[in-house]
Protein backbone atom coordinates (compact mmCIF):
# COMPACT_ATOMS: atom_id res chain seq x y z
CA MET A 1 -56.20 11.27 62.12
CA ARG A 2 -53.56 12.99 61.18
CA ILE A 3 -50.66 13.14 62.95
CA THR A 4 -49.14 16.74 63.22
CA ARG A 5 -45.41 17.33 62.37
CA ARG A 6 -44.84 17.87 66.53
CA GLU A 7 -45.40 14.94 67.00
CA ARG A 8 -44.24 13.11 64.30
CA ARG A 9 -40.79 15.16 65.55
CA VAL A 10 -41.42 13.48 69.01
CA GLN A 11 -42.52 10.03 67.91
CA LEU A 12 -38.81 10.16 66.30
CA SER A 13 -36.77 11.33 68.97
CA ARG A 14 -38.28 8.68 71.26
CA ARG A 15 -37.27 6.39 68.38
CA ILE A 16 -33.97 7.70 67.94
CA ALA A 17 -33.98 7.50 71.97
CA ILE A 18 -34.66 4.23 72.25
CA ALA A 19 -32.21 3.12 69.69
CA ILE A 20 -29.07 5.01 71.24
CA THR A 21 -29.93 3.76 74.53
CA ALA A 22 -30.10 0.01 73.18
CA LEU A 23 -26.79 0.52 71.14
CA LEU A 24 -25.43 1.89 74.25
CA ALA A 25 -26.26 -1.03 76.11
CA VAL A 26 -25.16 -3.44 73.93
CA LEU A 27 -21.34 -1.56 73.46
CA ILE A 28 -21.22 -1.86 77.61
CA GLY A 29 -22.31 -5.30 77.72
CA LEU A 30 -19.82 -6.07 74.92
CA LEU A 31 -16.92 -4.24 76.83
CA GLY A 32 -17.83 -5.52 80.31
CA MET A 33 -17.71 -9.21 78.77
CA ARG A 34 -14.23 -7.95 76.97
CA TRP A 35 -13.08 -6.74 80.20
CA CYS A 36 -14.30 -9.78 82.23
CA PHE A 37 -12.39 -12.33 79.78
CA ALA A 38 -9.61 -10.18 80.24
CA VAL A 39 -9.51 -10.30 83.88
CA LEU A 40 -10.13 -14.12 83.70
CA LEU A 41 -7.48 -14.82 81.51
CA ASN A 42 -5.13 -12.24 82.70
CA PRO A 43 -5.65 -12.09 86.38
CA PRO A 44 -3.67 -9.30 88.38
CA ALA A 45 -0.14 -10.37 89.07
CA GLU A 46 -0.05 -9.35 92.95
CA PRO A 47 -2.81 -10.97 95.00
CA PHE A 48 -4.36 -8.32 97.19
CA ALA A 49 -4.02 -8.67 100.99
CA ALA A 50 -6.21 -6.93 103.14
CA GLN A 51 -4.17 -6.79 105.99
CA PRO A 52 -0.28 -6.78 105.81
CA THR A 53 1.02 -9.86 104.86
CA VAL A 54 4.56 -11.39 104.76
CA VAL A 55 5.35 -12.01 101.14
CA ASN A 56 9.12 -12.80 101.08
CA VAL A 57 12.18 -13.00 103.61
CA ILE A 58 15.18 -10.85 102.48
CA ASP A 59 17.78 -11.75 105.12
CA GLY A 60 17.58 -11.75 108.89
CA ASP A 61 16.30 -8.33 109.36
CA THR A 62 14.06 -7.35 106.28
CA ILE A 63 11.13 -8.82 104.75
CA ASP A 64 8.86 -7.83 101.98
CA VAL A 65 4.86 -7.45 103.28
CA ARG A 66 2.08 -7.28 101.00
CA VAL A 67 -0.59 -4.37 101.75
CA GLY A 68 -3.34 -4.01 99.06
CA ARG A 69 -2.01 -4.86 95.86
CA SER A 70 1.44 -3.60 96.77
CA THR A 71 4.42 -4.79 98.24
CA THR A 72 6.66 -3.15 100.58
CA ARG A 73 10.19 -3.75 101.95
CA ILE A 74 10.25 -3.85 105.70
CA ARG A 75 13.49 -3.56 107.53
CA LEU A 76 13.08 -4.26 111.44
CA LEU A 77 13.43 -1.84 113.56
CA GLY A 78 15.74 -1.78 116.66
CA ILE A 79 17.74 -4.91 115.44
CA ASP A 80 20.60 -6.05 113.69
CA THR A 81 21.29 -9.44 112.16
CA PRO A 82 24.40 -11.01 110.63
CA GLU A 83 24.75 -9.73 107.10
CA THR A 84 24.18 -12.24 104.26
CA LYS A 85 23.01 -9.90 101.40
CA ASP A 86 25.32 -7.11 101.48
CA PRO A 87 27.51 -6.59 98.08
CA ARG A 88 30.03 -4.56 100.36
CA LYS A 89 30.28 -7.00 103.46
CA PRO A 90 31.05 -11.12 103.37
CA VAL A 91 28.41 -13.10 104.69
CA GLN A 92 28.93 -12.95 108.35
CA CYS A 93 29.01 -15.64 110.83
CA PHE A 94 25.27 -16.88 111.74
CA GLY A 95 24.12 -14.39 109.04
CA PRO A 96 22.34 -17.64 107.21
CA GLU A 97 21.01 -18.84 110.59
CA ALA A 98 19.23 -15.79 111.18
CA SER A 99 18.05 -15.80 107.96
CA ARG A 100 16.33 -19.16 108.74
CA ARG A 101 14.90 -17.99 111.98
CA THR A 102 13.21 -15.18 110.08
CA ALA A 103 11.75 -17.38 107.97
CA GLU A 104 10.85 -19.59 110.23
CA LEU A 105 9.08 -16.81 112.37
CA LEU A 106 7.52 -15.13 109.54
CA PRO A 107 6.05 -17.79 106.70
CA LYS A 108 4.84 -16.63 103.37
CA GLY A 109 1.31 -15.75 104.07
CA THR A 110 1.99 -14.57 107.81
CA ILE A 111 -0.57 -11.71 108.54
CA VAL A 112 1.90 -9.33 110.69
CA HIS A 113 0.78 -6.01 112.78
CA LEU A 114 3.86 -2.98 111.63
CA GLU A 115 4.33 -0.79 114.44
CA SER A 116 6.47 2.59 113.39
CA ASP A 117 8.81 4.41 115.64
CA ARG A 118 9.76 8.44 114.89
CA GLU A 119 10.89 7.84 111.05
CA THR A 120 9.41 5.63 109.14
CA HIS A 121 12.17 5.42 106.01
CA ASP A 122 15.98 4.57 106.17
CA VAL A 123 18.07 6.00 104.10
CA PHE A 124 17.50 3.21 101.23
CA GLY A 125 13.69 3.40 101.24
CA ARG A 126 12.93 0.54 103.48
CA THR A 127 9.80 0.99 105.63
CA LEU A 128 11.16 0.98 109.46
CA ALA A 129 8.78 -1.33 111.39
CA TYR A 130 8.67 -3.43 114.83
CA VAL A 131 6.98 -6.48 113.55
CA HIS A 132 4.10 -8.42 115.64
CA ARG A 133 2.66 -11.57 114.28
CA SER A 134 -1.05 -12.13 114.69
CA ASP A 135 -0.68 -14.54 117.38
CA GLY A 136 1.20 -11.82 119.70
CA LEU A 137 4.87 -12.59 118.87
CA PHE A 138 6.99 -9.91 119.03
CA VAL A 139 9.68 -10.97 116.34
CA ASN A 140 11.98 -8.26 116.51
CA LEU A 141 12.42 -9.31 120.60
CA SER A 142 12.65 -12.64 119.80
CA LEU A 143 15.14 -12.34 117.30
CA VAL A 144 17.54 -10.69 119.90
CA THR A 145 16.13 -13.01 122.73
CA ASP A 146 17.35 -16.14 120.66
CA GLY A 147 20.83 -14.80 119.90
CA TYR A 148 19.95 -14.05 116.11
CA ALA A 149 20.32 -10.41 116.39
CA ASP A 150 21.98 -7.47 118.45
CA VAL A 151 20.63 -4.58 119.56
CA LEU A 152 21.06 -1.46 116.77
CA THR A 153 19.42 1.94 118.02
CA ILE A 154 19.80 4.52 115.46
CA ALA A 155 18.20 7.91 116.83
CA PRO A 156 15.50 9.28 117.30
CA ASN A 157 14.05 5.32 117.13
CA GLY A 158 14.34 3.62 120.28
CA SER A 159 10.94 2.85 121.83
CA HIS A 160 12.16 -0.63 122.70
CA SER A 161 16.13 0.12 122.93
CA ALA A 162 16.02 -0.88 126.89
CA GLU A 163 13.56 -4.02 126.30
CA PHE A 164 16.03 -4.77 123.63
CA GLY A 165 19.37 -4.04 125.35
CA ALA A 166 18.10 -6.57 128.28
CA ALA A 167 17.40 -9.28 125.76
CA ALA A 168 20.48 -8.71 124.20
CA ALA A 169 22.64 -9.12 127.09
CA ALA A 170 20.44 -12.31 128.26
CA ALA A 171 21.65 -13.51 125.27
CA LYS A 172 24.86 -12.90 125.48
CA ALA A 173 25.00 -14.51 129.32
CA ALA A 174 23.84 -17.03 128.27
CA ALA A 175 25.68 -17.73 125.21
CA LYS A 176 22.76 -17.85 122.49
CA GLY A 177 23.07 -17.87 118.76
CA LEU A 178 25.44 -15.97 117.78
CA TRP A 179 26.87 -15.27 121.01
CA ALA A 180 28.49 -18.79 121.00
CA ALA A 181 28.55 -19.18 117.56
CA CYS A 182 30.76 -16.24 116.67
CA GLY A 183 31.82 -14.62 119.70
CA GLY A 184 29.77 -11.66 118.86
CA PRO A 185 28.01 -9.61 115.81
CA GLY A 186 29.75 -8.44 113.08
CA ARG A 187 32.23 -11.24 112.45
CA PRO A 188 32.99 -12.79 109.27
CA ALA A 189 31.64 -16.48 109.02
CA ALA A 190 35.36 -17.36 107.12
CA ALA A 191 36.95 -15.68 110.08
CA VAL A 192 35.19 -17.49 112.06
CA GLY A 193 35.56 -20.76 110.71
CA SER A 194 39.32 -20.69 110.95
CA GLY A 195 39.05 -19.59 114.21
CA ALA A 196 40.37 -15.98 114.26
CA GLY A 197 36.81 -14.63 115.03
CA ARG A 198 36.75 -16.66 118.92
């Protein structure tokens, strides 16, 4: 039985197609293995966080939160803790204590809910948020209630200002935290230690 020229072309085309498909399969397999080994030997630098998760506490009112593979700096809205990191200011009275308290409330790995107000970022590019733990604790309010922070309302962000104001007044009246140790917010730690800040 004689094969026509056309049938030969069809057979040749099929063989070429099979060879190309086999070659592509081998290449994809090799590239896939290479990618798998690369991922296993060099895992991504930042782990994935499906929900906002605390990765670092900077100071009393600033934290880093990871969402997905991105880390975002969060400035707790409506409150102000004594400074510990501002290069333009000395460490303020009760600043280290406020930083430690925030770290206690938000240890690394804590899942949080971030509530925004009218503005989402401050002039330093930090995300502004009211921070709630997954167990319902309102962290901003807790810091004010226990005397680790004072109220700082910057318009137009004032959703919780009345609540924070009442908590600060109660903390001051009960001489809690910075109200007892420093006589109020904003005092340099050295001045208070020498008696000048009281």
